[in-house]
């Protein structure tokens, strides 16, 4: 009987020590997680080169509309050509019919390196070209990743990927 009493007192003492330690570790873990998420996510900015309206595009760029599995569409060139100055004319358009913000990245499919990226554009705007003078003048198999956001809270409205070719000048 005496051993059971000692045993139960020791278990109670352990609980009094371990429960606060577990609570402290949990609070620190949650705090670190929140800190990491807040400092890690930097919302995109509006693209400075965005133009209101719809672009006039030469037909060799194969400008058209891509349907997505979400509540928005993408309009852009299907033929991407590097220019001598490092530009790529993509005519990336967020149609007025959309209710989301859009931005895109052009990623080398072989290395996963981001070659070009835009800021976000609102419905009724387009970006004619993006620049990166550090991209080699060669053909790339690329993924154009389009990110959609509900509003300036930057809650995701879906991500769409397009497989295209980036041609050298």
N, C-alpha and C. Protein backbone atom coordinates (compact mmCIF):
# COMPACT_ATOMS: atom_id res chain seq x y z
N UNK A 1 0.81 -1.18 0.00
CA UNK A 1 0.00 0.00 0.00
C UNK A 1 0.86 1.26 0.00
N UNK A 2 1.91 1.19 0.83
CA UNK A 2 2.79 2.33 0.94
C UNK A 2 3.53 2.57 -0.39
N UNK A 3 3.93 1.45 -1.08
CA UNK A 3 4.62 1.58 -2.36
C UNK A 3 3.70 2.20 -3.42
N UNK A 4 2.42 1.85 -3.40
CA UNK A 4 1.46 2.44 -4.35
C UNK A 4 1.31 3.92 -4.08
N UNK A 5 1.27 4.32 -2.85
CA UNK A 5 1.14 5.73 -2.49
C UNK A 5 2.36 6.50 -2.96
N UNK A 6 3.57 5.95 -2.74
CA UNK A 6 4.79 6.60 -3.20
C UNK A 6 4.83 6.68 -4.72
N UNK A 7 4.42 5.60 -5.36
CA UNK A 7 4.40 5.55 -6.82
C UNK A 7 3.45 6.60 -7.39
N UNK A 8 2.26 6.72 -6.85
CA UNK A 8 1.29 7.69 -7.36
C UNK A 8 1.74 9.12 -7.08
N UNK A 9 2.45 9.36 -5.96
CA UNK A 9 2.98 10.69 -5.66
C UNK A 9 4.08 11.06 -6.66
N UNK A 10 4.91 10.08 -7.03
CA UNK A 10 5.98 10.34 -7.99
C UNK A 10 5.40 10.62 -9.38
N UNK A 11 4.36 9.89 -9.77
CA UNK A 11 3.71 10.13 -11.06
C UNK A 11 3.08 11.52 -11.09
N UNK A 12 2.47 11.92 -10.00
CA UNK A 12 1.87 13.25 -9.93
C UNK A 12 2.94 14.32 -10.04
N UNK A 13 4.08 14.09 -9.40
CA UNK A 13 5.18 15.04 -9.46
C UNK A 13 5.72 15.14 -10.89
N UNK A 14 5.85 13.99 -11.57
CA UNK A 14 6.32 13.98 -12.96
C UNK A 14 5.35 14.75 -13.87
N UNK A 15 4.06 14.54 -13.67
CA UNK A 15 3.06 15.25 -14.48
C UNK A 15 3.18 16.75 -14.27
N UNK A 16 3.39 17.17 -13.03
CA UNK A 16 3.52 18.60 -12.74
C UNK A 16 4.75 19.20 -13.42
N UNK A 17 5.77 18.39 -13.66
CA UNK A 17 6.97 18.88 -14.32
C UNK A 17 6.83 18.79 -15.84
N UNK A 18 6.34 17.66 -16.35
CA UNK A 18 6.30 17.42 -17.79
C UNK A 18 5.22 18.24 -18.50
N UNK A 19 4.10 18.44 -17.92
CA UNK A 19 3.02 19.18 -18.58
C UNK A 19 3.46 20.62 -18.87
N UNK A 20 4.02 21.36 -17.91
CA UNK A 20 4.49 22.71 -18.25
C UNK A 20 5.59 22.71 -19.30
N UNK A 21 6.48 21.71 -19.26
CA UNK A 21 7.54 21.64 -20.26
C UNK A 21 6.94 21.42 -21.65
N UNK A 22 5.98 20.53 -21.77
CA UNK A 22 5.32 20.28 -23.06
C UNK A 22 4.60 21.53 -23.54
N UNK A 23 3.95 22.25 -22.63
CA UNK A 23 3.24 23.48 -23.01
C UNK A 23 4.24 24.53 -23.50
N UNK A 24 5.35 24.69 -22.80
CA UNK A 24 6.36 25.67 -23.20
C UNK A 24 6.94 25.31 -24.57
N UNK A 25 7.27 24.05 -24.79
CA UNK A 25 7.81 23.62 -26.09
C UNK A 25 6.78 23.86 -27.19
N UNK A 26 5.51 23.59 -26.92
CA UNK A 26 4.46 23.80 -27.91
C UNK A 26 4.32 25.27 -28.26
N UNK A 27 4.33 26.13 -27.25
CA UNK A 27 4.20 27.58 -27.49
C UNK A 27 5.39 28.08 -28.31
N UNK A 28 6.60 27.65 -27.97
CA UNK A 28 7.77 28.06 -28.73
C UNK A 28 7.69 27.56 -30.17
N UNK A 29 7.25 26.34 -30.37
CA UNK A 29 7.13 25.78 -31.73
C UNK A 29 6.13 26.56 -32.56
N UNK A 30 4.97 26.85 -31.99
CA UNK A 30 3.96 27.62 -32.71
C UNK A 30 4.48 29.02 -33.03
N UNK A 31 5.16 29.63 -32.08
CA UNK A 31 5.74 30.96 -32.30
C UNK A 31 6.76 30.95 -33.42
N UNK A 32 7.63 29.95 -33.45
CA UNK A 32 8.62 29.84 -34.52
C UNK A 32 7.95 29.60 -35.87
N UNK A 33 6.92 28.80 -35.90
CA UNK A 33 6.19 28.55 -37.14
C UNK A 33 5.56 29.83 -37.67
N UNK A 34 4.89 30.57 -36.81
CA UNK A 34 4.27 31.83 -37.23
C UNK A 34 5.33 32.82 -37.69
N UNK A 35 6.42 32.94 -36.96
CA UNK A 35 7.50 33.84 -37.35
C UNK A 35 8.05 33.46 -38.72
N UNK A 36 8.27 32.18 -38.95
CA UNK A 36 8.80 31.71 -40.23
C UNK A 36 7.84 32.03 -41.37
N UNK A 37 6.56 31.77 -41.17
CA UNK A 37 5.57 32.04 -42.22
C UNK A 37 5.47 33.53 -42.53
N UNK A 38 5.49 34.35 -41.50
CA UNK A 38 5.35 35.80 -41.70
C UNK A 38 6.58 36.36 -42.40
N UNK A 39 7.76 35.95 -42.00
CA UNK A 39 8.97 36.49 -42.61
C UNK A 39 9.29 35.84 -43.94
N UNK A 40 8.82 34.62 -44.18
CA UNK A 40 9.12 33.91 -45.41
C UNK A 40 8.29 34.43 -46.58
N UNK A 41 7.00 34.70 -46.38
CA UNK A 41 6.13 35.12 -47.47
C UNK A 41 6.25 36.61 -47.69
N UNK A 42 6.72 36.96 -48.86
CA UNK A 42 6.78 38.36 -49.26
C UNK A 42 5.81 38.52 -50.42
N UNK A 43 4.73 39.25 -50.23
CA UNK A 43 3.74 39.34 -51.30
C UNK A 43 4.33 40.00 -52.55
N UNK A 44 3.88 39.55 -53.72
CA UNK A 44 4.39 40.16 -54.96
C UNK A 44 3.91 41.60 -55.08
N UNK A 45 4.62 42.36 -55.88
CA UNK A 45 4.21 43.74 -56.11
C UNK A 45 3.56 43.84 -57.49
N UNK A 46 2.86 44.93 -57.69
CA UNK A 46 2.24 45.19 -58.99
C UNK A 46 3.36 45.40 -60.00
N UNK A 47 3.21 44.84 -61.19
CA UNK A 47 4.24 44.95 -62.21
C UNK A 47 4.27 46.37 -62.77
N UNK A 48 5.44 47.01 -62.73
CA UNK A 48 5.60 48.39 -63.21
C UNK A 48 5.36 48.53 -64.70
N UNK A 49 5.55 47.46 -65.46
CA UNK A 49 5.41 47.55 -66.91
C UNK A 49 3.99 47.21 -67.38
N UNK A 50 3.07 46.98 -66.45
CA UNK A 50 1.69 46.64 -66.83
C UNK A 50 1.04 47.80 -67.58
N UNK A 51 0.29 47.42 -68.62
CA UNK A 51 -0.41 48.40 -69.46
C UNK A 51 -1.89 48.05 -69.44
N UNK A 52 -2.74 49.07 -69.33
CA UNK A 52 -4.18 48.82 -69.39
C UNK A 52 -4.58 48.55 -70.83
N UNK A 53 -5.52 47.60 -70.98
CA UNK A 53 -6.04 47.30 -72.30
C UNK A 53 -5.68 45.91 -72.77
N UNK A 54 -5.78 45.71 -74.08
CA UNK A 54 -5.48 44.44 -74.71
C UNK A 54 -4.38 44.67 -75.74
N UNK A 55 -3.37 43.82 -75.78
CA UNK A 55 -2.26 44.07 -76.71
C UNK A 55 -2.63 43.78 -78.16
N UNK A 56 -1.93 44.45 -79.05
CA UNK A 56 -1.98 44.15 -80.47
C UNK A 56 -0.75 43.28 -80.75
N UNK A 57 -0.99 42.04 -81.17
CA UNK A 57 0.09 41.06 -81.25
C UNK A 57 0.21 40.54 -82.67
N UNK A 58 1.45 40.49 -83.18
CA UNK A 58 1.73 39.90 -84.48
C UNK A 58 1.33 38.43 -84.45
N UNK A 59 0.75 37.94 -85.53
CA UNK A 59 0.19 36.58 -85.54
C UNK A 59 1.22 35.48 -85.34
N UNK A 60 2.51 35.71 -85.63
CA UNK A 60 3.51 34.65 -85.45
C UNK A 60 3.76 34.31 -83.97
N UNK A 61 3.27 35.14 -83.07
CA UNK A 61 3.40 34.82 -81.64
C UNK A 61 2.34 33.83 -81.16
N UNK A 62 1.34 33.55 -81.99
CA UNK A 62 0.24 32.65 -81.63
C UNK A 62 -0.40 33.05 -80.30
N UNK A 63 -0.78 34.31 -80.21
CA UNK A 63 -1.44 34.83 -79.02
C UNK A 63 -2.84 34.22 -78.91
N UNK A 64 -3.17 33.73 -77.72
CA UNK A 64 -4.49 33.14 -77.54
C UNK A 64 -4.86 32.99 -76.08
N UNK A 65 -5.97 32.32 -75.87
CA UNK A 65 -6.53 32.12 -74.53
C UNK A 65 -6.32 30.68 -74.10
N UNK A 66 -5.86 30.52 -72.88
CA UNK A 66 -5.70 29.18 -72.29
C UNK A 66 -6.71 29.04 -71.16
N UNK A 67 -7.54 28.01 -71.27
CA UNK A 67 -8.50 27.72 -70.21
C UNK A 67 -7.75 27.05 -69.05
N UNK A 68 -8.18 27.32 -67.85
CA UNK A 68 -7.57 26.70 -66.68
C UNK A 68 -8.62 25.85 -65.97
N UNK A 69 -8.22 25.12 -64.99
CA UNK A 69 -9.16 24.35 -64.19
C UNK A 69 -9.77 25.18 -63.07
N UNK A 70 -9.62 26.48 -63.17
CA UNK A 70 -10.10 27.39 -62.13
C UNK A 70 -11.06 28.41 -62.74
N UNK A 71 -11.42 29.40 -61.98
CA UNK A 71 -12.37 30.41 -62.45
C UNK A 71 -11.68 31.60 -63.13
N UNK A 72 -10.65 31.33 -63.90
CA UNK A 72 -9.98 32.39 -64.65
C UNK A 72 -9.38 31.80 -65.92
N UNK A 73 -9.08 32.67 -66.87
CA UNK A 73 -8.41 32.26 -68.10
C UNK A 73 -7.11 33.07 -68.22
N UNK A 74 -6.22 32.57 -69.07
CA UNK A 74 -4.94 33.23 -69.31
C UNK A 74 -4.87 33.57 -70.78
N UNK A 75 -4.40 34.75 -71.10
CA UNK A 75 -4.14 35.11 -72.48
C UNK A 75 -2.66 35.46 -72.59
N UNK A 76 -1.98 34.83 -73.56
CA UNK A 76 -0.57 35.11 -73.77
C UNK A 76 -0.10 34.50 -75.08
N UNK A 77 1.14 34.79 -75.44
CA UNK A 77 1.75 34.21 -76.64
C UNK A 77 2.14 32.77 -76.36
N UNK A 78 1.91 31.91 -77.35
CA UNK A 78 2.35 30.51 -77.24
C UNK A 78 3.75 30.34 -77.81
N UNK A 79 4.15 31.23 -78.73
CA UNK A 79 5.52 31.23 -79.26
C UNK A 79 6.31 32.30 -78.51
N UNK A 80 7.30 31.87 -77.77
CA UNK A 80 8.12 32.79 -76.99
C UNK A 80 9.49 32.90 -77.65
N UNK A 81 9.90 34.14 -77.95
CA UNK A 81 11.18 34.38 -78.61
C UNK A 81 12.01 35.33 -77.77
N UNK A 82 13.27 34.94 -77.51
CA UNK A 82 14.20 35.85 -76.86
C UNK A 82 14.54 36.97 -77.84
N UNK A 83 14.75 38.15 -77.30
CA UNK A 83 15.19 39.28 -78.11
C UNK A 83 16.67 39.53 -77.79
N UNK A 84 17.36 40.28 -78.63
CA UNK A 84 18.79 40.52 -78.43
C UNK A 84 19.10 41.19 -77.09
N UNK A 85 18.17 42.00 -76.58
CA UNK A 85 18.42 42.71 -75.33
C UNK A 85 18.04 41.90 -74.09
N UNK A 86 17.62 40.64 -74.27
CA UNK A 86 17.25 39.80 -73.13
C UNK A 86 15.76 39.74 -72.86
N UNK A 87 14.98 40.54 -73.59
CA UNK A 87 13.53 40.52 -73.42
C UNK A 87 12.93 39.23 -73.98
N UNK A 88 11.78 38.88 -73.45
CA UNK A 88 10.93 37.86 -74.05
C UNK A 88 9.55 38.50 -74.18
N UNK A 89 9.05 38.54 -75.40
CA UNK A 89 7.71 39.10 -75.64
C UNK A 89 6.70 38.00 -75.35
N UNK A 90 5.93 38.17 -74.27
CA UNK A 90 4.96 37.13 -73.92
C UNK A 90 3.53 37.63 -73.96
N UNK A 91 3.31 38.94 -73.96
CA UNK A 91 1.97 39.51 -74.03
C UNK A 91 1.04 38.87 -73.00
N UNK A 92 1.53 38.73 -71.80
CA UNK A 92 0.79 38.11 -70.70
C UNK A 92 -0.35 39.03 -70.29
N UNK A 93 -1.59 38.54 -70.45
CA UNK A 93 -2.79 39.37 -70.29
C UNK A 93 -3.72 38.78 -69.24
N UNK A 94 -4.24 39.67 -68.39
CA UNK A 94 -5.28 39.30 -67.44
C UNK A 94 -6.58 39.91 -67.97
N UNK A 95 -7.43 39.11 -68.62
CA UNK A 95 -8.64 39.66 -69.24
C UNK A 95 -9.59 40.31 -68.22
N UNK A 96 -10.35 41.26 -68.71
CA UNK A 96 -11.34 41.93 -67.85
C UNK A 96 -12.35 40.96 -67.27
N UNK A 97 -12.58 39.84 -67.93
CA UNK A 97 -13.55 38.85 -67.44
C UNK A 97 -13.07 38.13 -66.18
N UNK A 98 -11.77 38.18 -65.88
CA UNK A 98 -11.25 37.56 -64.66
C UNK A 98 -11.54 38.43 -63.45
N UNK A 99 -11.58 37.79 -62.29
CA UNK A 99 -11.75 38.54 -61.04
C UNK A 99 -10.56 38.31 -60.11
N UNK A 100 -9.43 37.87 -60.68
CA UNK A 100 -8.24 37.55 -59.88
C UNK A 100 -7.05 38.38 -60.35
N UNK A 101 -6.04 38.46 -59.49
CA UNK A 101 -4.76 39.02 -59.87
C UNK A 101 -3.93 37.87 -60.46
N UNK A 102 -3.12 38.15 -61.47
CA UNK A 102 -2.28 37.13 -62.08
C UNK A 102 -0.82 37.57 -62.11
N UNK A 103 0.07 36.62 -61.97
CA UNK A 103 1.50 36.85 -62.20
C UNK A 103 2.07 35.56 -62.77
N UNK A 104 3.23 35.64 -63.42
CA UNK A 104 3.79 34.41 -63.99
C UNK A 104 5.31 34.35 -63.85
N UNK A 105 5.80 33.14 -63.97
CA UNK A 105 7.23 32.85 -63.98
C UNK A 105 7.50 31.94 -65.17
N UNK A 106 8.63 32.16 -65.82
CA UNK A 106 9.08 31.28 -66.89
C UNK A 106 10.27 30.51 -66.32
N UNK A 107 10.12 29.18 -66.25
CA UNK A 107 11.07 28.34 -65.55
C UNK A 107 11.70 27.35 -66.53
N UNK A 108 13.02 27.22 -66.48
CA UNK A 108 13.73 26.23 -67.28
C UNK A 108 13.32 24.84 -66.78
N UNK A 109 12.70 24.06 -67.64
CA UNK A 109 12.18 22.74 -67.24
C UNK A 109 13.30 21.78 -66.82
N UNK A 110 14.49 21.94 -67.39
CA UNK A 110 15.59 21.02 -67.09
C UNK A 110 16.27 21.30 -65.75
N UNK A 111 16.34 22.59 -65.37
CA UNK A 111 17.07 22.95 -64.14
C UNK A 111 16.18 23.51 -63.04
N UNK A 112 14.91 23.78 -63.33
CA UNK A 112 13.97 24.42 -62.40
C UNK A 112 14.38 25.85 -62.04
N UNK A 113 15.27 26.45 -62.79
CA UNK A 113 15.70 27.83 -62.56
C UNK A 113 14.67 28.79 -63.15
N UNK A 114 14.31 29.81 -62.37
CA UNK A 114 13.39 30.84 -62.85
C UNK A 114 14.18 31.77 -63.78
N UNK A 115 13.77 31.81 -65.04
CA UNK A 115 14.45 32.65 -66.03
C UNK A 115 13.86 34.05 -66.07
N UNK A 116 12.56 34.15 -65.97
CA UNK A 116 11.84 35.42 -66.02
C UNK A 116 10.69 35.35 -65.04
N UNK A 117 10.30 36.51 -64.50
CA UNK A 117 9.09 36.56 -63.68
C UNK A 117 8.49 37.96 -63.75
N UNK A 118 7.21 37.99 -63.52
CA UNK A 118 6.49 39.26 -63.54
C UNK A 118 5.99 39.57 -62.14
N UNK A 119 5.57 40.81 -61.96
CA UNK A 119 4.77 41.16 -60.80
C UNK A 119 3.34 40.80 -61.13
N UNK A 120 2.41 41.15 -60.26
CA UNK A 120 1.02 40.81 -60.56
C UNK A 120 0.37 41.89 -61.42
N UNK A 121 -0.65 41.47 -62.15
CA UNK A 121 -1.46 42.40 -62.94
C UNK A 121 -2.92 42.18 -62.59
N UNK A 122 -3.68 43.27 -62.67
CA UNK A 122 -5.10 43.22 -62.36
C UNK A 122 -5.88 42.95 -63.64
N UNK A 123 -7.14 42.55 -63.52
CA UNK A 123 -7.94 42.34 -64.74
C UNK A 123 -7.94 43.61 -65.61
N UNK A 124 -7.77 43.39 -66.92
CA UNK A 124 -7.75 44.50 -67.86
C UNK A 124 -6.35 45.04 -68.13
N UNK A 125 -5.31 44.34 -67.64
CA UNK A 125 -3.93 44.77 -67.88
C UNK A 125 -3.15 43.66 -68.58
N UNK A 126 -2.04 44.05 -69.22
CA UNK A 126 -1.15 43.07 -69.83
C UNK A 126 0.30 43.53 -69.67
N UNK A 127 1.20 42.56 -69.81
CA UNK A 127 2.64 42.83 -69.81
C UNK A 127 3.16 42.37 -71.16
N UNK A 128 3.70 43.30 -71.93
CA UNK A 128 4.19 42.95 -73.26
C UNK A 128 5.42 42.06 -73.18
N UNK A 129 6.41 42.43 -72.36
CA UNK A 129 7.64 41.65 -72.31
C UNK A 129 8.25 41.69 -70.92
N UNK A 130 9.11 40.69 -70.68
CA UNK A 130 9.89 40.62 -69.45
C UNK A 130 11.36 40.58 -69.83
N UNK A 131 12.23 41.04 -68.94
CA UNK A 131 13.64 41.12 -69.27
C UNK A 131 14.50 40.37 -68.28
N UNK A 132 15.53 39.71 -68.80
CA UNK A 132 16.58 39.12 -67.99
C UNK A 132 17.79 39.00 -68.91
N UNK A 133 18.70 39.93 -68.81
CA UNK A 133 19.84 39.96 -69.72
C UNK A 133 20.87 38.87 -69.38
N UNK A 134 20.63 38.09 -68.32
CA UNK A 134 21.56 37.03 -67.93
C UNK A 134 21.18 35.65 -68.48
N UNK A 135 20.15 35.59 -69.30
CA UNK A 135 19.71 34.31 -69.87
C UNK A 135 20.50 34.07 -71.15
N UNK A 136 21.05 32.87 -71.28
CA UNK A 136 21.82 32.51 -72.48
C UNK A 136 20.91 32.48 -73.71
N UNK A 137 21.48 32.85 -74.85
CA UNK A 137 20.75 32.85 -76.11
C UNK A 137 20.73 31.44 -76.68
N UNK A 138 19.81 30.64 -76.17
CA UNK A 138 19.65 29.27 -76.64
C UNK A 138 18.19 28.87 -76.45
N UNK A 139 17.82 27.76 -77.05
CA UNK A 139 16.46 27.25 -76.90
C UNK A 139 16.30 26.61 -75.51
N UNK A 140 15.16 26.86 -74.89
CA UNK A 140 14.84 26.27 -73.60
C UNK A 140 13.48 25.60 -73.68
N UNK A 141 13.34 24.48 -73.03
CA UNK A 141 12.03 23.91 -72.74
C UNK A 141 11.62 24.55 -71.42
N UNK A 142 10.50 25.25 -71.44
CA UNK A 142 10.12 26.00 -70.24
C UNK A 142 8.73 25.63 -69.75
N UNK A 143 8.52 25.93 -68.50
CA UNK A 143 7.20 25.87 -67.89
C UNK A 143 6.83 27.30 -67.56
N UNK A 144 5.69 27.73 -68.04
CA UNK A 144 5.16 29.03 -67.65
C UNK A 144 4.18 28.76 -66.52
N UNK A 145 4.54 29.20 -65.33
CA UNK A 145 3.71 28.98 -64.15
C UNK A 145 2.94 30.26 -63.88
N UNK A 146 1.62 30.16 -63.91
CA UNK A 146 0.75 31.32 -63.68
C UNK A 146 0.10 31.17 -62.31
N UNK A 147 0.30 32.18 -61.49
CA UNK A 147 -0.26 32.20 -60.14
C UNK A 147 -1.43 33.18 -60.12
N UNK A 148 -2.55 32.73 -59.55
CA UNK A 148 -3.73 33.59 -59.43
C UNK A 148 -3.99 33.84 -57.95
N UNK A 149 -4.38 35.08 -57.65
CA UNK A 149 -4.66 35.48 -56.27
C UNK A 149 -6.06 36.08 -56.20
N UNK A 150 -6.76 35.78 -55.10
CA UNK A 150 -8.13 36.27 -54.92
C UNK A 150 -8.15 37.79 -54.94
N UNK A 151 -7.29 38.41 -54.19
CA UNK A 151 -7.18 39.87 -54.13
C UNK A 151 -5.84 40.20 -53.50
N UNK A 152 -5.69 41.39 -52.99
CA UNK A 152 -4.40 41.78 -52.42
C UNK A 152 -4.11 41.13 -51.07
N UNK A 153 -4.97 40.21 -50.65
CA UNK A 153 -4.63 39.36 -49.50
C UNK A 153 -3.70 38.25 -49.97
N UNK A 154 -3.61 38.06 -51.29
CA UNK A 154 -2.78 37.07 -51.96
C UNK A 154 -3.11 35.65 -51.55
N UNK A 155 -4.38 35.43 -51.26
CA UNK A 155 -4.87 34.06 -51.06
C UNK A 155 -4.91 33.40 -52.43
N UNK A 156 -4.39 32.19 -52.53
CA UNK A 156 -4.29 31.51 -53.82
C UNK A 156 -5.66 31.22 -54.41
N UNK A 157 -5.76 31.49 -55.73
CA UNK A 157 -6.95 31.12 -56.49
C UNK A 157 -6.58 30.05 -57.51
N UNK A 158 -5.40 29.44 -57.33
CA UNK A 158 -4.96 28.36 -58.20
C UNK A 158 -3.69 28.70 -58.95
N UNK A 159 -2.98 27.67 -59.34
CA UNK A 159 -1.75 27.81 -60.12
C UNK A 159 -1.89 26.94 -61.37
N UNK A 160 -1.53 27.50 -62.50
CA UNK A 160 -1.62 26.80 -63.77
C UNK A 160 -0.24 26.72 -64.40
N UNK A 161 0.09 25.58 -64.99
CA UNK A 161 1.37 25.41 -65.66
C UNK A 161 1.16 25.14 -67.15
N UNK A 162 1.94 25.82 -67.96
CA UNK A 162 1.92 25.63 -69.41
C UNK A 162 3.31 25.21 -69.85
N UNK A 163 3.42 24.17 -70.64
CA UNK A 163 4.71 23.72 -71.18
C UNK A 163 4.90 24.36 -72.56
N UNK A 164 5.94 25.16 -72.70
CA UNK A 164 6.21 25.86 -73.96
C UNK A 164 7.69 25.77 -74.29
N UNK A 165 8.05 26.34 -75.43
CA UNK A 165 9.45 26.44 -75.83
C UNK A 165 9.83 27.90 -75.91
N UNK A 166 11.01 28.22 -75.42
CA UNK A 166 11.56 29.57 -75.52
C UNK A 166 12.65 29.50 -76.57
N UNK A 167 12.44 30.24 -77.66
CA UNK A 167 13.35 30.18 -78.80
C UNK A 167 14.42 31.26 -78.70
N UNK A 168 15.65 30.98 -79.16
CA UNK A 168 16.69 32.01 -79.16
C UNK A 168 16.42 33.04 -80.25
N UNK A 169 17.06 34.17 -80.15
CA UNK A 169 16.88 35.18 -81.19
C UNK A 169 17.75 34.81 -82.32
